[in-house]
């Protein structure tokens, strides 16, 4: 039964392809698809945002590497000094070192979580900045809704507005002009 339904769907789609392809030249599709990941990765503003995120990640990695090397050196020194210490003194030193390592791990976890929050906030800021540009594109092309690619079962290529959205956002970014405010009827991204 499933194969039959698929065959019927493909037959209907094949029959509509010439009609839909002709409609591409004469009228805008009321629905469009936007690959948000590609929009972020390939637009100039998105690349700038991603570069800031990468720079923050690299700084955190460098800090973590430096701290890790420092702790490894301290541990090596403590291990070497063990022979010259009483067991009680060594145990106190080792416990203090372990406590310090746990504190540093907690601080590093917090810094990683801060970086994740920063990354999310920057991506959100990108989409909030791009939102009015997308609304303007929708208005200009007569689009009533933009869908995510994973929400679409089947569509023709011209429904994907990602390249046009990138070009429009890049034009705004290159000109250095303010992004137009969205109309009050537009629904902002979550």
N, C-alpha and C. Protein backbone atom coordinates (compact mmCIF):
# COMPACT_ATOMS: atom_id res chain seq x y z
N UNK A 1 0.82 -1.18 0.00
CA UNK A 1 0.00 0.00 0.00
C UNK A 1 0.87 1.26 0.00
N UNK A 2 1.93 1.23 0.79
CA UNK A 2 2.82 2.39 0.88
C UNK A 2 3.49 2.66 -0.47
N UNK A 3 3.90 1.61 -1.16
CA UNK A 3 4.53 1.77 -2.47
C UNK A 3 3.54 2.36 -3.47
N UNK A 4 2.29 1.95 -3.38
CA UNK A 4 1.27 2.49 -4.26
C UNK A 4 1.08 3.98 -4.01
N UNK A 5 1.01 4.38 -2.74
CA UNK A 5 0.83 5.80 -2.39
C UNK A 5 2.02 6.62 -2.89
N UNK A 6 3.20 6.07 -2.74
CA UNK A 6 4.40 6.77 -3.22
C UNK A 6 4.37 6.91 -4.74
N UNK A 7 3.94 5.88 -5.43
CA UNK A 7 3.86 5.93 -6.89
C UNK A 7 2.83 6.97 -7.34
N UNK A 8 1.71 7.04 -6.66
CA UNK A 8 0.68 8.03 -6.99
C UNK A 8 1.22 9.43 -6.75
N UNK A 9 1.89 9.63 -5.62
CA UNK A 9 2.46 10.93 -5.29
C UNK A 9 3.50 11.35 -6.33
N UNK A 10 4.36 10.44 -6.71
CA UNK A 10 5.39 10.75 -7.72
C UNK A 10 4.75 11.06 -9.08
N UNK A 11 3.70 10.32 -9.43
CA UNK A 11 3.01 10.57 -10.70
C UNK A 11 2.37 11.95 -10.69
N UNK A 12 1.74 12.31 -9.57
CA UNK A 12 1.11 13.63 -9.47
C UNK A 12 2.17 14.72 -9.53
N UNK A 13 3.28 14.50 -8.84
CA UNK A 13 4.35 15.50 -8.84
C UNK A 13 4.93 15.66 -10.24
N UNK A 14 5.13 14.56 -10.92
CA UNK A 14 5.67 14.62 -12.28
C UNK A 14 4.73 15.36 -13.21
N UNK A 15 3.43 15.17 -13.02
CA UNK A 15 2.45 15.85 -13.87
C UNK A 15 2.43 17.35 -13.57
N UNK A 16 2.68 17.73 -12.34
CA UNK A 16 2.65 19.14 -11.96
C UNK A 16 3.96 19.87 -12.23
N UNK A 17 5.04 19.16 -12.43
CA UNK A 17 6.35 19.79 -12.62
C UNK A 17 6.34 20.82 -13.74
N UNK A 18 5.84 20.53 -14.94
CA UNK A 18 5.84 21.55 -15.98
C UNK A 18 5.01 22.77 -15.60
N UNK A 19 3.87 22.55 -14.95
CA UNK A 19 3.02 23.66 -14.53
C UNK A 19 3.75 24.50 -13.49
N UNK A 20 4.35 23.86 -12.50
CA UNK A 20 5.06 24.57 -11.45
C UNK A 20 6.29 25.27 -12.00
N UNK A 21 6.98 24.64 -12.92
CA UNK A 21 8.16 25.27 -13.51
C UNK A 21 7.76 26.52 -14.29
N UNK A 22 6.63 26.45 -14.98
CA UNK A 22 6.15 27.63 -15.70
C UNK A 22 5.72 28.71 -14.73
N UNK A 23 5.15 28.33 -13.59
CA UNK A 23 4.71 29.30 -12.58
C UNK A 23 5.89 30.03 -11.98
N UNK A 24 7.04 29.41 -12.00
CA UNK A 24 8.24 30.04 -11.44
C UNK A 24 8.52 31.36 -12.13
N UNK A 25 8.28 31.43 -13.41
CA UNK A 25 8.57 32.65 -14.15
C UNK A 25 7.48 33.69 -14.02
N UNK A 26 6.25 33.29 -13.71
CA UNK A 26 5.15 34.23 -13.74
C UNK A 26 4.66 34.68 -12.37
N UNK A 27 4.85 33.91 -11.36
CA UNK A 27 4.35 34.29 -10.04
C UNK A 27 5.26 33.75 -8.94
N UNK A 28 5.31 34.46 -7.85
CA UNK A 28 6.10 34.02 -6.71
C UNK A 28 5.37 32.90 -5.99
N UNK A 29 6.13 31.99 -5.41
CA UNK A 29 5.52 30.94 -4.60
C UNK A 29 5.10 31.55 -3.27
N UNK A 30 3.92 31.19 -2.77
CA UNK A 30 3.47 31.79 -1.51
C UNK A 30 4.28 31.30 -0.31
N UNK A 31 4.92 30.16 -0.45
CA UNK A 31 5.74 29.61 0.62
C UNK A 31 7.17 29.49 0.12
N UNK A 32 8.11 29.67 1.03
CA UNK A 32 9.51 29.56 0.66
C UNK A 32 10.23 28.73 1.71
N UNK A 33 11.41 28.28 1.36
CA UNK A 33 12.24 27.49 2.26
C UNK A 33 13.52 28.26 2.50
N UNK A 34 13.97 28.28 3.75
CA UNK A 34 15.22 28.94 4.11
C UNK A 34 16.05 27.97 4.92
N UNK A 35 17.24 27.69 4.44
CA UNK A 35 18.20 26.87 5.17
C UNK A 35 18.92 27.80 6.15
N UNK A 36 18.48 27.82 7.40
CA UNK A 36 19.01 28.75 8.39
C UNK A 36 20.50 28.55 8.63
N UNK A 37 20.94 27.31 8.64
CA UNK A 37 22.36 27.04 8.86
C UNK A 37 23.21 27.63 7.74
N UNK A 38 22.78 27.41 6.51
CA UNK A 38 23.50 27.96 5.36
C UNK A 38 23.43 29.49 5.36
N UNK A 39 22.28 30.04 5.70
CA UNK A 39 22.09 31.48 5.79
C UNK A 39 23.10 32.08 6.77
N UNK A 40 23.29 31.44 7.90
CA UNK A 40 24.26 31.89 8.90
C UNK A 40 25.69 31.71 8.41
N UNK A 41 26.00 30.53 7.89
CA UNK A 41 27.38 30.21 7.47
C UNK A 41 27.86 31.01 6.27
N UNK A 42 26.96 31.31 5.32
CA UNK A 42 27.41 31.89 4.06
C UNK A 42 27.19 33.39 3.93
N UNK A 43 26.42 33.98 4.81
CA UNK A 43 26.25 35.44 4.72
C UNK A 43 27.44 36.13 5.40
N UNK A 44 27.73 37.34 4.97
CA UNK A 44 28.87 38.07 5.54
C UNK A 44 28.66 38.32 7.04
N UNK A 45 27.48 38.74 7.40
CA UNK A 45 27.19 38.98 8.82
C UNK A 45 27.31 37.67 9.60
N UNK A 46 26.79 36.60 9.06
CA UNK A 46 26.88 35.29 9.72
C UNK A 46 28.32 34.84 9.89
N UNK A 47 29.12 35.04 8.85
CA UNK A 47 30.54 34.67 8.95
C UNK A 47 31.24 35.49 10.04
N UNK A 48 30.85 36.77 10.15
CA UNK A 48 31.44 37.62 11.19
C UNK A 48 31.04 37.10 12.59
N UNK A 49 29.78 36.77 12.75
CA UNK A 49 29.30 36.23 14.02
C UNK A 49 30.01 34.91 14.35
N UNK A 50 30.11 34.03 13.36
CA UNK A 50 30.78 32.75 13.59
C UNK A 50 32.26 32.93 13.89
N UNK A 51 32.90 33.93 13.29
CA UNK A 51 34.31 34.20 13.58
C UNK A 51 34.48 34.67 15.03
N UNK A 52 33.55 35.49 15.51
CA UNK A 52 33.59 35.92 16.91
C UNK A 52 33.43 34.73 17.85
N UNK A 53 32.53 33.84 17.51
CA UNK A 53 32.31 32.64 18.33
C UNK A 53 33.56 31.77 18.31
N UNK A 54 34.15 31.56 17.12
CA UNK A 54 35.37 30.75 17.02
C UNK A 54 36.51 31.37 17.82
N UNK A 55 36.64 32.69 17.76
CA UNK A 55 37.71 33.36 18.52
C UNK A 55 37.52 33.14 20.02
N UNK A 56 36.29 33.22 20.49
CA UNK A 56 36.02 32.96 21.91
C UNK A 56 36.32 31.51 22.27
N UNK A 57 35.98 30.58 21.37
CA UNK A 57 36.28 29.17 21.60
C UNK A 57 37.79 28.94 21.66
N UNK A 58 38.52 29.56 20.76
CA UNK A 58 39.98 29.41 20.74
C UNK A 58 40.61 29.97 22.02
N UNK A 59 40.11 31.13 22.48
CA UNK A 59 40.63 31.70 23.73
C UNK A 59 40.39 30.75 24.90
N UNK A 60 39.21 30.16 24.95
CA UNK A 60 38.90 29.21 26.02
C UNK A 60 39.79 27.98 25.92
N UNK A 61 39.99 27.47 24.71
CA UNK A 61 40.87 26.30 24.52
C UNK A 61 42.30 26.61 24.96
N UNK A 62 42.79 27.81 24.62
CA UNK A 62 44.13 28.21 25.03
C UNK A 62 44.24 28.31 26.55
N UNK A 63 43.23 28.90 27.18
CA UNK A 63 43.21 28.98 28.65
C UNK A 63 43.23 27.58 29.25
N UNK A 64 42.37 26.70 28.72
CA UNK A 64 42.29 25.34 29.24
C UNK A 64 43.61 24.60 29.07
N UNK A 65 44.26 24.77 27.93
CA UNK A 65 45.55 24.11 27.69
C UNK A 65 46.61 24.64 28.65
N UNK A 66 46.64 25.95 28.84
CA UNK A 66 47.62 26.55 29.74
C UNK A 66 47.41 26.05 31.17
N UNK A 67 46.17 26.05 31.62
CA UNK A 67 45.85 25.60 32.98
C UNK A 67 46.16 24.11 33.13
N UNK A 68 45.83 23.33 32.12
CA UNK A 68 46.10 21.89 32.15
C UNK A 68 47.60 21.62 32.26
N UNK A 69 48.40 22.34 31.49
CA UNK A 69 49.86 22.17 31.55
C UNK A 69 50.39 22.58 32.91
N UNK A 70 49.85 23.66 33.46
CA UNK A 70 50.28 24.14 34.78
C UNK A 70 49.96 23.10 35.85
N UNK A 71 48.76 22.53 35.81
CA UNK A 71 48.37 21.51 36.78
C UNK A 71 49.20 20.25 36.63
N UNK A 72 49.49 19.87 35.41
CA UNK A 72 50.33 18.68 35.18
C UNK A 72 51.71 18.90 35.79
N UNK A 73 52.26 20.10 35.64
CA UNK A 73 53.57 20.42 36.21
C UNK A 73 53.50 20.39 37.74
N UNK A 74 52.45 20.94 38.32
CA UNK A 74 52.30 20.92 39.78
C UNK A 74 52.17 19.49 40.30
N UNK A 75 51.42 18.67 39.58
CA UNK A 75 51.26 17.28 39.98
C UNK A 75 52.59 16.53 39.91
N UNK A 76 53.34 16.80 38.83
CA UNK A 76 54.66 16.16 38.70
C UNK A 76 55.58 16.57 39.85
N UNK A 77 55.59 17.86 40.17
CA UNK A 77 56.43 18.37 41.27
C UNK A 77 56.01 17.76 42.60
N UNK A 78 54.72 17.62 42.83
CA UNK A 78 54.23 17.02 44.08
C UNK A 78 54.63 15.56 44.15
N UNK A 79 54.53 14.85 43.04
CA UNK A 79 54.93 13.44 43.00
C UNK A 79 56.42 13.29 43.30
N UNK A 80 57.24 14.17 42.72
CA UNK A 80 58.69 14.11 42.95
C UNK A 80 59.03 14.46 44.39
N UNK A 81 58.28 15.36 45.00
CA UNK A 81 58.55 15.79 46.37
C UNK A 81 58.06 14.78 47.40
N UNK A 82 57.29 13.84 46.98
CA UNK A 82 56.69 12.86 47.90
C UNK A 82 57.75 12.13 48.72
N UNK A 83 58.85 11.79 48.08
CA UNK A 83 59.89 11.01 48.77
C UNK A 83 60.49 11.80 49.94
N UNK A 84 60.49 13.10 49.87
CA UNK A 84 61.09 13.92 50.93
C UNK A 84 60.06 14.38 51.97
N UNK A 85 58.81 13.93 51.85
CA UNK A 85 57.75 14.35 52.77
C UNK A 85 57.30 13.19 53.64
N UNK A 86 56.78 13.55 54.80
CA UNK A 86 56.13 12.53 55.63
C UNK A 86 54.80 12.19 54.96
N UNK A 87 54.28 10.99 55.22
CA UNK A 87 52.99 10.63 54.62
C UNK A 87 51.88 11.62 54.97
N UNK A 88 51.88 12.15 56.20
CA UNK A 88 50.84 13.09 56.61
C UNK A 88 50.94 14.39 55.81
N UNK A 89 52.16 14.91 55.66
CA UNK A 89 52.37 16.15 54.92
C UNK A 89 52.01 15.95 53.45
N UNK A 90 52.44 14.81 52.89
CA UNK A 90 52.11 14.54 51.49
C UNK A 90 50.59 14.45 51.30
N UNK A 91 49.90 13.74 52.22
CA UNK A 91 48.44 13.59 52.11
C UNK A 91 47.77 14.96 52.17
N UNK A 92 48.22 15.85 53.04
CA UNK A 92 47.65 17.19 53.15
C UNK A 92 47.89 17.97 51.85
N UNK A 93 49.11 17.87 51.32
CA UNK A 93 49.45 18.56 50.06
C UNK A 93 48.62 17.99 48.89
N UNK A 94 48.50 16.67 48.84
CA UNK A 94 47.74 16.02 47.77
C UNK A 94 46.26 16.39 47.86
N UNK A 95 45.71 16.41 49.08
CA UNK A 95 44.31 16.78 49.25
C UNK A 95 44.07 18.23 48.83
N UNK A 96 44.97 19.11 49.20
CA UNK A 96 44.86 20.52 48.81
C UNK A 96 44.92 20.66 47.29
N UNK A 97 45.81 19.89 46.67
CA UNK A 97 45.92 19.92 45.21
C UNK A 97 44.63 19.42 44.58
N UNK A 98 44.09 18.30 45.08
CA UNK A 98 42.85 17.75 44.54
C UNK A 98 41.69 18.74 44.67
N UNK A 99 41.61 19.42 45.83
CA UNK A 99 40.57 20.42 46.03
C UNK A 99 40.71 21.55 45.01
N UNK A 100 41.93 21.98 44.82
CA UNK A 100 42.19 23.05 43.84
C UNK A 100 41.81 22.60 42.43
N UNK A 101 42.15 21.37 42.07
CA UNK A 101 41.81 20.84 40.74
C UNK A 101 40.30 20.80 40.56
N UNK A 102 39.57 20.37 41.57
CA UNK A 102 38.11 20.33 41.48
C UNK A 102 37.53 21.72 41.31
N UNK A 103 38.09 22.71 42.03
CA UNK A 103 37.63 24.09 41.87
C UNK A 103 37.88 24.58 40.44
N UNK A 104 39.05 24.28 39.93
CA UNK A 104 39.40 24.70 38.56
C UNK A 104 38.49 24.01 37.55
N UNK A 105 38.20 22.73 37.75
CA UNK A 105 37.27 22.02 36.84
C UNK A 105 35.90 22.68 36.84
N UNK A 106 35.42 23.04 38.03
CA UNK A 106 34.11 23.70 38.12
C UNK A 106 34.15 25.05 37.40
N UNK A 107 35.24 25.80 37.58
CA UNK A 107 35.38 27.08 36.88
C UNK A 107 35.42 26.89 35.37
N UNK A 108 36.12 25.88 34.91
CA UNK A 108 36.23 25.59 33.47
C UNK A 108 34.87 25.18 32.91
N UNK A 109 34.12 24.37 33.68
CA UNK A 109 32.76 23.98 33.24
C UNK A 109 31.89 25.22 33.10
N UNK A 110 32.00 26.12 34.08
CA UNK A 110 31.21 27.35 34.03
C UNK A 110 31.61 28.19 32.82
N UNK A 111 32.90 28.27 32.54
CA UNK A 111 33.36 29.03 31.37
C UNK A 111 32.84 28.39 30.08
N UNK A 112 32.82 27.07 30.02
CA UNK A 112 32.28 26.38 28.84
C UNK A 112 30.79 26.66 28.68
N UNK A 113 30.07 26.66 29.78
CA UNK A 113 28.64 26.97 29.73
C UNK A 113 28.42 28.43 29.32
N UNK A 114 29.27 29.33 29.80
CA UNK A 114 29.18 30.74 29.40
C UNK A 114 29.41 30.87 27.89
N UNK A 115 30.38 30.12 27.38
CA UNK A 115 30.66 30.15 25.94
C UNK A 115 29.46 29.63 25.15
N UNK A 116 28.84 28.56 25.63
CA UNK A 116 27.65 28.03 24.96
C UNK A 116 26.53 29.06 24.96
N UNK A 117 26.33 29.74 26.09
CA UNK A 117 25.29 30.79 26.16
C UNK A 117 25.64 31.94 25.22
N UNK A 118 26.93 32.31 25.17
CA UNK A 118 27.38 33.37 24.27
C UNK A 118 27.10 32.98 22.82
N UNK A 119 27.44 31.74 22.46
CA UNK A 119 27.23 31.26 21.09
C UNK A 119 25.75 31.31 20.72
N UNK A 120 24.90 30.85 21.62
CA UNK A 120 23.46 30.88 21.37
C UNK A 120 22.96 32.31 21.24
N UNK A 121 23.45 33.19 22.10
CA UNK A 121 23.01 34.59 22.06
C UNK A 121 23.46 35.26 20.76
N UNK A 122 24.66 34.95 20.30
CA UNK A 122 25.16 35.53 19.06
C UNK A 122 24.37 35.02 17.86
N UNK A 123 24.05 33.73 17.84
CA UNK A 123 23.23 33.19 16.75
C UNK A 123 21.84 33.83 16.78
N UNK A 124 21.28 34.00 17.97
CA UNK A 124 19.97 34.64 18.10
C UNK A 124 20.05 36.09 17.62
N UNK A 125 21.13 36.78 17.99
CA UNK A 125 21.31 38.17 17.56
C UNK A 125 21.39 38.24 16.03
N UNK A 126 22.08 37.28 15.42
CA UNK A 126 22.17 37.24 13.96
C UNK A 126 20.77 37.14 13.35
N UNK A 127 19.98 36.20 13.83
CA UNK A 127 18.65 35.99 13.25
C UNK A 127 17.72 37.16 13.55
N UNK A 128 17.87 37.78 14.71
CA UNK A 128 17.07 38.97 14.99
C UNK A 128 17.45 40.12 14.06
N UNK A 129 18.74 40.23 13.76
CA UNK A 129 19.20 41.26 12.83
C UNK A 129 18.71 40.96 11.41
N UNK A 130 18.73 39.70 11.04
CA UNK A 130 18.33 39.29 9.69
C UNK A 130 16.82 39.26 9.50
N UNK A 131 16.09 39.15 10.58
CA UNK A 131 14.64 39.00 10.50
C UNK A 131 13.97 40.09 9.65
N UNK A 132 14.25 41.37 9.88
CA UNK A 132 13.60 42.39 9.04
C UNK A 132 13.97 42.28 7.57
N UNK A 133 15.19 41.82 7.28
CA UNK A 133 15.61 41.64 5.89
C UNK A 133 14.78 40.52 5.26
N UNK A 134 14.55 39.46 6.01
CA UNK A 134 13.72 38.36 5.49
C UNK A 134 12.28 38.82 5.28
N UNK A 135 11.77 39.62 6.20
CA UNK A 135 10.40 40.13 6.05
C UNK A 135 10.31 41.00 4.80
N UNK A 136 11.32 41.83 4.57
CA UNK A 136 11.34 42.69 3.38
C UNK A 136 11.37 41.83 2.11
N UNK A 137 12.17 40.77 2.13
CA UNK A 137 12.24 39.84 0.99
C UNK A 137 10.88 39.18 0.77
N UNK A 138 10.24 38.77 1.85
CA UNK A 138 8.91 38.15 1.74
C UNK A 138 7.92 39.12 1.10
N UNK A 139 7.93 40.37 1.56
CA UNK A 139 7.01 41.38 1.04
C UNK A 139 7.26 41.61 -0.44
N UNK A 140 8.53 41.75 -0.81
CA UNK A 140 8.89 42.01 -2.20
C UNK A 140 8.51 40.85 -3.13
N UNK A 141 8.59 39.62 -2.62
CA UNK A 141 8.34 38.46 -3.48
C UNK A 141 6.97 37.83 -3.26
N UNK A 142 6.15 38.41 -2.41
CA UNK A 142 4.81 37.88 -2.19
C UNK A 142 4.78 36.57 -1.45
N UNK A 143 5.73 36.36 -0.58
CA UNK A 143 5.82 35.13 0.20
C UNK A 143 5.03 35.32 1.49
N UNK A 144 4.21 34.33 1.85
CA UNK A 144 3.43 34.46 3.07
C UNK A 144 4.02 33.70 4.25
N UNK A 145 4.94 32.77 3.98
CA UNK A 145 5.56 32.00 5.06
C UNK A 145 6.89 31.43 4.59
N UNK A 146 7.82 31.35 5.52
CA UNK A 146 9.12 30.72 5.25
C UNK A 146 9.21 29.48 6.13
N UNK A 147 9.54 28.36 5.50
CA UNK A 147 9.63 27.08 6.20
C UNK A 147 11.08 26.63 6.30
N UNK A 148 11.32 25.77 7.26
CA UNK A 148 12.63 25.12 7.37
C UNK A 148 12.67 23.97 6.37
N UNK A 149 13.83 23.65 5.81
CA UNK A 149 13.90 22.55 4.83
C UNK A 149 13.38 21.22 5.38
N UNK A 150 13.60 20.96 6.66
CA UNK A 150 13.15 19.68 7.21
C UNK A 150 11.62 19.60 7.35
N UNK A 151 10.94 20.74 7.22
CA UNK A 151 9.47 20.74 7.29
C UNK A 151 8.84 20.48 5.92
N UNK A 152 9.64 20.48 4.87
CA UNK A 152 9.13 20.32 3.51
C UNK A 152 9.36 18.88 3.06
N UNK A 153 8.32 18.28 2.55
CA UNK A 153 8.45 16.92 2.04
C UNK A 153 9.01 16.94 0.63
N UNK A 154 8.46 17.81 -0.21
CA UNK A 154 8.93 17.90 -1.58
C UNK A 154 8.65 19.32 -2.09
N UNK A 155 9.60 19.87 -2.83
CA UNK A 155 9.43 21.23 -3.38
C UNK A 155 10.38 21.40 -4.55
N UNK A 156 10.07 22.35 -5.38
CA UNK A 156 10.95 22.69 -6.49
C UNK A 156 12.06 23.60 -5.99
N UNK A 157 13.17 23.62 -6.70
CA UNK A 157 14.34 24.39 -6.26
C UNK A 157 14.05 25.88 -6.06
N UNK A 158 13.22 26.46 -6.90
CA UNK A 158 13.01 27.90 -6.82
C UNK A 158 12.33 28.32 -5.50
N UNK A 159 11.78 27.38 -4.75
CA UNK A 159 11.15 27.69 -3.48
C UNK A 159 12.20 28.02 -2.42
N UNK A 160 13.42 27.54 -2.62
CA UNK A 160 14.51 27.82 -1.67
C UNK A 160 15.01 29.25 -1.88
N UNK A 161 14.76 30.10 -0.91
CA UNK A 161 15.16 31.51 -1.02
C UNK A 161 16.51 31.78 -0.33
N UNK A 162 17.17 30.74 0.13
CA UNK A 162 18.43 30.94 0.87
C UNK A 162 19.43 31.79 0.10
N UNK A 163 19.72 31.51 -1.18
CA UNK A 163 20.69 32.35 -1.89
C UNK A 163 20.24 33.82 -1.99
N UNK A 164 18.94 34.03 -2.22
CA UNK A 164 18.45 35.41 -2.32
C UNK A 164 18.48 36.11 -0.96
N UNK A 165 18.19 35.37 0.09
CA UNK A 165 18.24 35.95 1.43
C UNK A 165 19.68 36.32 1.80
N UNK A 166 20.63 35.47 1.44
CA UNK A 166 22.05 35.76 1.70
C UNK A 166 22.45 37.02 0.94
N UNK A 167 22.09 37.09 -0.34
CA UNK A 167 22.46 38.25 -1.17
C UNK A 167 21.86 39.53 -0.60
N UNK A 168 20.62 39.46 -0.16
CA UNK A 168 19.97 40.66 0.36
C UNK A 168 20.60 41.08 1.69
N UNK A 169 20.86 40.14 2.58
CA UNK A 169 21.50 40.48 3.86
C UNK A 169 22.90 41.02 3.63
N UNK A 170 23.64 40.41 2.69
CA UNK A 170 24.99 40.90 2.37
C UNK A 170 24.94 42.33 1.84
N UNK A 171 23.95 42.64 1.02
CA UNK A 171 23.83 44.00 0.48
C UNK A 171 23.62 45.00 1.62
N UNK A 172 22.76 44.66 2.56
CA UNK A 172 22.52 45.53 3.71
C UNK A 172 23.80 45.66 4.52
N UNK A 173 24.49 44.54 4.73
CA UNK A 173 25.72 44.52 5.53
C UNK A 173 26.82 45.34 4.86
N UNK A 174 26.99 45.17 3.55
CA UNK A 174 28.03 45.90 2.80
C UNK A 174 27.77 47.40 2.79
N UNK A 175 26.52 47.78 2.66
CA UNK A 175 26.18 49.20 2.62
C UNK A 175 26.31 49.83 4.00
N UNK A 176 26.32 49.01 5.03
CA UNK A 176 26.41 49.52 6.37
C UNK A 176 25.15 50.23 6.82
N UNK A 177 24.07 50.01 6.09
CA UNK A 177 22.82 50.69 6.47
C UNK A 177 22.11 49.88 7.55
N UNK A 178 21.27 50.57 8.26
CA UNK A 178 20.50 49.90 9.30
C UNK A 178 19.53 48.92 8.66
N UNK A 179 19.31 47.85 9.36
CA UNK A 179 18.35 46.87 8.91
C UNK A 179 16.97 47.46 9.11
N UNK A 180 16.07 47.34 8.13
CA UNK A 180 14.74 47.91 8.28
C UNK A 180 13.99 47.23 9.43
N UNK A 181 13.19 47.99 10.19
CA UNK A 181 12.43 47.34 11.26
C UNK A 181 11.36 46.45 10.66
N UNK A 182 11.05 45.34 11.34
CA UNK A 182 10.02 44.45 10.80
C UNK A 182 8.64 45.06 11.00
N UNK A 183 7.71 44.75 10.10
CA UNK A 183 6.34 45.23 10.32
C UNK A 183 5.76 44.54 11.54
N UNK A 184 4.79 45.16 12.16
CA UNK A 184 4.21 44.60 13.38
C UNK A 184 3.48 43.30 13.13
N UNK A 185 3.09 43.02 11.89
CA UNK A 185 2.36 41.79 11.59
C UNK A 185 3.28 40.59 11.45
N UNK A 186 4.58 40.82 11.34
CA UNK A 186 5.51 39.71 11.17
C UNK A 186 5.70 38.99 12.50
N UNK A 187 5.91 37.68 12.42
CA UNK A 187 6.13 36.87 13.61
C UNK A 187 7.64 36.65 13.74
N UNK A 188 8.27 37.16 14.82
CA UNK A 188 9.72 37.00 14.97
C UNK A 188 10.10 35.56 15.25
N UNK A 189 11.38 35.23 14.98
CA UNK A 189 11.83 33.86 15.23
C UNK A 189 11.80 33.55 16.72
N UNK A 190 11.63 32.27 17.11
CA UNK A 190 11.58 31.91 18.53
C UNK A 190 12.93 32.06 19.18
